[in-house]
Amino acid sequence: MCLGIPGRVVELLEGYGGQLALVDVAGVQRKINIGLLDEGPLEPGTWVLIHMGFALERVDAAGAEQAMDGLELMGRPADTGPGSQPAQPPQGEQHVTHEPA
């Protein structure tokens, strides 16, 4: 599996040499180039992994969920993870910002 953003094909777009599809990515529809997929015709409802506007791989729903979980995990700060709380400053301490004179 490649590193990509999962999206679900909504419809194939007319023209463009049969290489564009409208794909739903987290609730936003985008035009995606499907010309690199070589596994036969693409149908609405198919999940794909997208990188730089190109669908690179077909995946099933579980694969799409796994890819999204990985992307969400990479977006978390280093000191947090699933089930942990963000670091809090100790009680009673104040953060002071010094501005240059």
N, C-alpha and C. Protein backbone atom coordinates (compact mmCIF):
# COMPACT_ATOMS: atom_id res chain seq x y z
N MET A 1 0.84 -1.17 0.00
CA MET A 1 0.00 0.00 0.00
C MET A 1 0.89 1.24 0.00
N CYS A 2 0.54 2.22 -0.80
CA CYS A 2 1.30 3.45 -0.84
C CYS A 2 0.75 4.45 0.18
N LEU A 3 1.51 5.48 0.45
CA LEU A 3 1.03 6.54 1.32
C LEU A 3 0.17 7.46 0.48
N GLY A 4 -1.10 7.54 0.80
CA GLY A 4 -2.01 8.36 0.03
C GLY A 4 -3.24 8.68 0.82
N ILE A 5 -4.03 9.57 0.29
CA ILE A 5 -5.28 9.98 0.92
C ILE A 5 -6.40 9.15 0.32
N PRO A 6 -7.21 8.49 1.15
CA PRO A 6 -8.28 7.68 0.60
C PRO A 6 -9.45 8.53 0.11
N GLY A 7 -10.04 8.12 -0.99
CA GLY A 7 -11.22 8.77 -1.53
C GLY A 7 -12.11 7.75 -2.20
N ARG A 8 -13.40 8.08 -2.27
CA ARG A 8 -14.37 7.16 -2.87
C ARG A 8 -14.89 7.78 -4.17
N VAL A 9 -14.83 7.02 -5.23
CA VAL A 9 -15.26 7.50 -6.54
C VAL A 9 -16.75 7.78 -6.52
N VAL A 10 -17.12 9.00 -6.94
CA VAL A 10 -18.52 9.40 -7.04
C VAL A 10 -19.03 9.14 -8.45
N GLU A 11 -18.25 9.60 -9.44
CA GLU A 11 -18.64 9.38 -10.84
C GLU A 11 -17.44 9.56 -11.74
N LEU A 12 -17.50 8.91 -12.88
CA LEU A 12 -16.49 9.10 -13.91
C LEU A 12 -16.91 10.29 -14.74
N LEU A 13 -15.96 11.16 -15.10
CA LEU A 13 -16.28 12.39 -15.82
C LEU A 13 -16.16 12.16 -17.33
N GLU A 14 -17.10 12.72 -18.06
CA GLU A 14 -17.13 12.62 -19.53
C GLU A 14 -15.91 13.35 -20.10
N GLY A 15 -15.41 12.85 -21.19
CA GLY A 15 -14.28 13.49 -21.85
C GLY A 15 -12.97 13.19 -21.13
N TYR A 16 -12.00 14.03 -21.31
CA TYR A 16 -10.69 13.91 -20.65
C TYR A 16 -10.03 12.56 -20.93
N GLY A 17 -10.39 11.94 -22.03
CA GLY A 17 -9.80 10.65 -22.38
C GLY A 17 -10.13 9.55 -21.40
N GLY A 18 -11.23 9.70 -20.66
CA GLY A 18 -11.63 8.70 -19.68
C GLY A 18 -10.71 8.62 -18.48
N GLN A 19 -9.95 9.70 -18.24
CA GLN A 19 -8.95 9.66 -17.17
C GLN A 19 -9.27 10.50 -15.95
N LEU A 20 -10.46 11.08 -15.88
CA LEU A 20 -10.82 11.87 -14.69
C LEU A 20 -12.07 11.32 -14.04
N ALA A 21 -12.06 11.37 -12.71
CA ALA A 21 -13.22 10.96 -11.93
C ALA A 21 -13.46 11.99 -10.84
N LEU A 22 -14.70 12.12 -10.44
CA LEU A 22 -15.04 12.94 -9.29
C LEU A 22 -14.97 12.02 -8.08
N VAL A 23 -14.13 12.39 -7.10
CA VAL A 23 -13.87 11.53 -5.95
C VAL A 23 -14.16 12.30 -4.68
N ASP A 24 -14.86 11.64 -3.74
CA ASP A 24 -15.16 12.23 -2.44
C ASP A 24 -14.00 11.94 -1.49
N VAL A 25 -13.39 13.02 -1.00
CA VAL A 25 -12.27 12.91 -0.05
C VAL A 25 -12.70 13.62 1.22
N ALA A 26 -13.07 12.85 2.23
CA ALA A 26 -13.48 13.39 3.53
C ALA A 26 -14.59 14.43 3.39
N GLY A 27 -15.56 14.16 2.52
CA GLY A 27 -16.71 15.04 2.35
C GLY A 27 -16.54 16.13 1.32
N VAL A 28 -15.37 16.22 0.68
CA VAL A 28 -15.12 17.22 -0.35
C VAL A 28 -14.90 16.48 -1.67
N GLN A 29 -15.61 16.91 -2.72
CA GLN A 29 -15.46 16.26 -4.01
C GLN A 29 -14.39 16.95 -4.84
N ARG A 30 -13.49 16.12 -5.41
CA ARG A 30 -12.36 16.63 -6.19
C ARG A 30 -12.24 15.85 -7.49
N LYS A 31 -11.71 16.52 -8.52
CA LYS A 31 -11.41 15.84 -9.77
C LYS A 31 -10.05 15.17 -9.61
N ILE A 32 -10.00 13.86 -9.86
CA ILE A 32 -8.79 13.09 -9.67
C ILE A 32 -8.46 12.35 -10.97
N ASN A 33 -7.19 12.33 -11.35
CA ASN A 33 -6.76 11.59 -12.53
C ASN A 33 -6.67 10.11 -12.17
N ILE A 34 -7.37 9.29 -12.94
CA ILE A 34 -7.40 7.84 -12.69
C ILE A 34 -6.62 7.08 -13.75
N GLY A 35 -5.89 7.79 -14.59
CA GLY A 35 -5.18 7.18 -15.71
C GLY A 35 -4.07 6.21 -15.32
N LEU A 36 -3.59 6.27 -14.08
CA LEU A 36 -2.51 5.37 -13.66
C LEU A 36 -3.02 4.03 -13.15
N LEU A 37 -4.33 3.90 -12.96
CA LEU A 37 -4.89 2.62 -12.51
C LEU A 37 -5.01 1.70 -13.71
N ASP A 38 -4.44 0.51 -13.61
CA ASP A 38 -4.44 -0.40 -14.75
C ASP A 38 -5.21 -1.69 -14.49
N GLU A 39 -6.09 -1.68 -13.54
CA GLU A 39 -6.79 -2.91 -13.15
C GLU A 39 -8.20 -3.00 -13.73
N GLY A 40 -8.44 -2.44 -14.89
CA GLY A 40 -9.76 -2.49 -15.49
C GLY A 40 -10.59 -1.27 -15.17
N PRO A 41 -11.86 -1.28 -15.60
CA PRO A 41 -12.72 -0.11 -15.42
C PRO A 41 -12.97 0.21 -13.96
N LEU A 42 -13.14 1.47 -13.69
CA LEU A 42 -13.41 1.98 -12.34
C LEU A 42 -14.90 2.26 -12.23
N GLU A 43 -15.48 1.95 -11.10
CA GLU A 43 -16.91 2.16 -10.90
C GLU A 43 -17.16 3.08 -9.72
N PRO A 44 -18.27 3.82 -9.72
CA PRO A 44 -18.62 4.62 -8.55
C PRO A 44 -18.71 3.72 -7.31
N GLY A 45 -18.21 4.25 -6.19
CA GLY A 45 -18.19 3.49 -4.95
C GLY A 45 -16.84 2.86 -4.66
N THR A 46 -15.97 2.81 -5.67
CA THR A 46 -14.64 2.22 -5.49
C THR A 46 -13.77 3.16 -4.66
N TRP A 47 -13.02 2.60 -3.72
CA TRP A 47 -12.07 3.38 -2.92
C TRP A 47 -10.72 3.38 -3.61
N VAL A 48 -10.06 4.54 -3.62
CA VAL A 48 -8.72 4.67 -4.19
C VAL A 48 -7.85 5.47 -3.23
N LEU A 49 -6.54 5.25 -3.34
CA LEU A 49 -5.58 6.08 -2.61
C LEU A 49 -5.03 7.12 -3.58
N ILE A 50 -5.02 8.37 -3.15
CA ILE A 50 -4.69 9.50 -4.00
C ILE A 50 -3.40 10.16 -3.51
N HIS A 51 -2.53 10.48 -4.46
CA HIS A 51 -1.31 11.21 -4.15
C HIS A 51 -1.10 12.23 -5.26
N MET A 52 -1.02 13.50 -4.88
CA MET A 52 -0.76 14.59 -5.83
C MET A 52 -1.78 14.63 -6.97
N GLY A 53 -3.05 14.33 -6.66
CA GLY A 53 -4.10 14.42 -7.65
C GLY A 53 -4.26 13.20 -8.55
N PHE A 54 -3.49 12.15 -8.27
CA PHE A 54 -3.55 10.92 -9.06
C PHE A 54 -3.99 9.76 -8.18
N ALA A 55 -4.94 8.99 -8.66
CA ALA A 55 -5.30 7.74 -7.97
C ALA A 55 -4.22 6.73 -8.31
N LEU A 56 -3.56 6.21 -7.28
CA LEU A 56 -2.45 5.29 -7.50
C LEU A 56 -2.77 3.84 -7.22
N GLU A 57 -3.80 3.61 -6.39
CA GLU A 57 -4.09 2.24 -5.98
C GLU A 57 -5.55 2.12 -5.58
N ARG A 58 -6.16 0.99 -5.92
CA ARG A 58 -7.50 0.67 -5.44
C ARG A 58 -7.37 0.01 -4.07
N VAL A 59 -8.29 0.33 -3.18
CA VAL A 59 -8.31 -0.32 -1.87
C VAL A 59 -9.76 -0.64 -1.51
N ASP A 60 -9.94 -1.51 -0.54
CA ASP A 60 -11.29 -1.76 -0.05
C ASP A 60 -11.57 -0.77 1.09
N ALA A 61 -12.77 -0.82 1.65
CA ALA A 61 -13.15 0.13 2.70
C ALA A 61 -12.23 0.02 3.91
N ALA A 62 -11.82 -1.19 4.26
CA ALA A 62 -10.92 -1.38 5.41
C ALA A 62 -9.55 -0.74 5.12
N GLY A 63 -9.07 -0.89 3.90
CA GLY A 63 -7.80 -0.27 3.52
C GLY A 63 -7.88 1.25 3.55
N ALA A 64 -9.01 1.79 3.11
CA ALA A 64 -9.21 3.25 3.14
C ALA A 64 -9.22 3.75 4.58
N GLU A 65 -9.90 3.02 5.46
CA GLU A 65 -9.95 3.41 6.88
C GLU A 65 -8.56 3.33 7.51
N GLN A 66 -7.82 2.31 7.18
CA GLN A 66 -6.46 2.15 7.70
C GLN A 66 -5.56 3.30 7.22
N ALA A 67 -5.69 3.70 5.97
CA ALA A 67 -4.90 4.82 5.44
C ALA A 67 -5.25 6.11 6.15
N MET A 68 -6.55 6.36 6.39
CA MET A 68 -6.96 7.58 7.07
C MET A 68 -6.47 7.58 8.52
N ASP A 69 -6.55 6.43 9.19
CA ASP A 69 -6.04 6.32 10.56
C ASP A 69 -4.55 6.65 10.60
N GLY A 70 -3.80 6.16 9.63
CA GLY A 70 -2.36 6.45 9.57
C GLY A 70 -2.09 7.92 9.35
N LEU A 71 -2.86 8.56 8.48
CA LEU A 71 -2.68 9.99 8.25
C LEU A 71 -3.01 10.80 9.50
N GLU A 72 -4.08 10.41 10.20
CA GLU A 72 -4.45 11.11 11.43
C GLU A 72 -3.38 10.92 12.49
N LEU A 73 -2.81 9.73 12.58
CA LEU A 73 -1.76 9.45 13.56
C LEU A 73 -0.52 10.30 13.26
N MET A 74 -0.17 10.45 11.98
CA MET A 74 1.00 11.26 11.62
C MET A 74 0.79 12.73 11.93
N GLY A 75 -0.46 13.18 11.99
CA GLY A 75 -0.74 14.58 12.25
C GLY A 75 -0.76 14.94 13.72
N ARG A 76 -0.66 13.95 14.60
CA ARG A 76 -0.67 14.24 16.03
C ARG A 76 0.70 14.71 16.49
N PRO A 77 0.75 15.61 17.49
CA PRO A 77 2.05 16.02 18.05
C PRO A 77 2.77 14.80 18.63
N ALA A 78 4.09 14.87 18.69
CA ALA A 78 4.91 13.74 19.12
C ALA A 78 4.60 13.29 20.54
N ASP A 79 4.18 14.19 21.43
CA ASP A 79 3.96 13.80 22.82
C ASP A 79 2.53 13.31 23.08
N THR A 80 1.76 13.13 22.03
CA THR A 80 0.41 12.60 22.21
C THR A 80 0.24 11.39 21.32
N GLY A 81 -0.68 10.59 21.67
CA GLY A 81 -1.01 9.42 20.89
C GLY A 81 -2.43 9.03 21.24
N PRO A 82 -2.90 7.95 20.70
CA PRO A 82 -4.26 7.53 21.01
C PRO A 82 -4.45 7.35 22.51
N GLY A 83 -5.44 8.02 23.06
CA GLY A 83 -5.77 7.87 24.47
C GLY A 83 -4.95 8.72 25.42
N SER A 84 -3.95 9.43 24.92
CA SER A 84 -3.15 10.25 25.84
C SER A 84 -3.64 11.69 25.80
N GLN A 85 -3.27 12.43 26.81
CA GLN A 85 -3.66 13.83 26.92
C GLN A 85 -2.50 14.72 26.49
N PRO A 86 -2.77 15.89 25.90
CA PRO A 86 -1.70 16.80 25.54
C PRO A 86 -0.97 17.27 26.80
N ALA A 87 0.30 17.57 26.65
CA ALA A 87 1.09 18.04 27.79
C ALA A 87 0.52 19.35 28.32
N GLN A 88 0.40 19.45 29.62
CA GLN A 88 -0.12 20.65 30.28
C GLN A 88 1.01 21.25 31.12
N PRO A 89 1.12 22.58 31.19
CA PRO A 89 2.13 23.17 32.06
C PRO A 89 1.80 22.86 33.52
N PRO A 90 2.82 22.70 34.38
CA PRO A 90 2.56 22.45 35.79
C PRO A 90 1.71 23.55 36.40
N GLN A 91 0.87 23.17 37.37
CA GLN A 91 0.00 24.13 38.04
C GLN A 91 0.83 25.18 38.76
N GLY A 92 0.38 26.42 38.72
CA GLY A 92 1.05 27.50 39.44
C GLY A 92 2.13 28.19 38.64
N GLU A 93 2.60 27.59 37.56
CA GLU A 93 3.62 28.24 36.74
C GLU A 93 2.96 29.10 35.69
N GLN A 94 3.57 30.22 35.39
CA GLN A 94 3.06 31.09 34.34
C GLN A 94 4.07 31.16 33.21
N HIS A 95 3.56 31.27 32.02
CA HIS A 95 4.42 31.39 30.86
C HIS A 95 4.61 32.87 30.59
N VAL A 96 5.88 33.31 30.58
CA VAL A 96 6.20 34.72 30.36
C VAL A 96 6.89 34.86 29.03
N THR A 97 6.42 35.79 28.24
CA THR A 97 7.05 36.06 26.94
C THR A 97 7.82 37.37 27.05
N HIS A 98 9.07 37.33 26.66
CA HIS A 98 9.90 38.53 26.68
C HIS A 98 10.01 39.07 25.27
N GLU A 99 9.68 40.33 25.10
CA GLU A 99 9.79 40.94 23.80
C GLU A 99 11.07 41.75 23.73
N PRO A 100 11.73 41.76 22.57
CA PRO A 100 12.96 42.55 22.45
C PRO A 100 12.68 44.03 22.63
N ALA A 101 13.64 44.73 23.22
CA ALA A 101 13.47 46.17 23.49
C ALA A 101 13.78 46.99 22.29
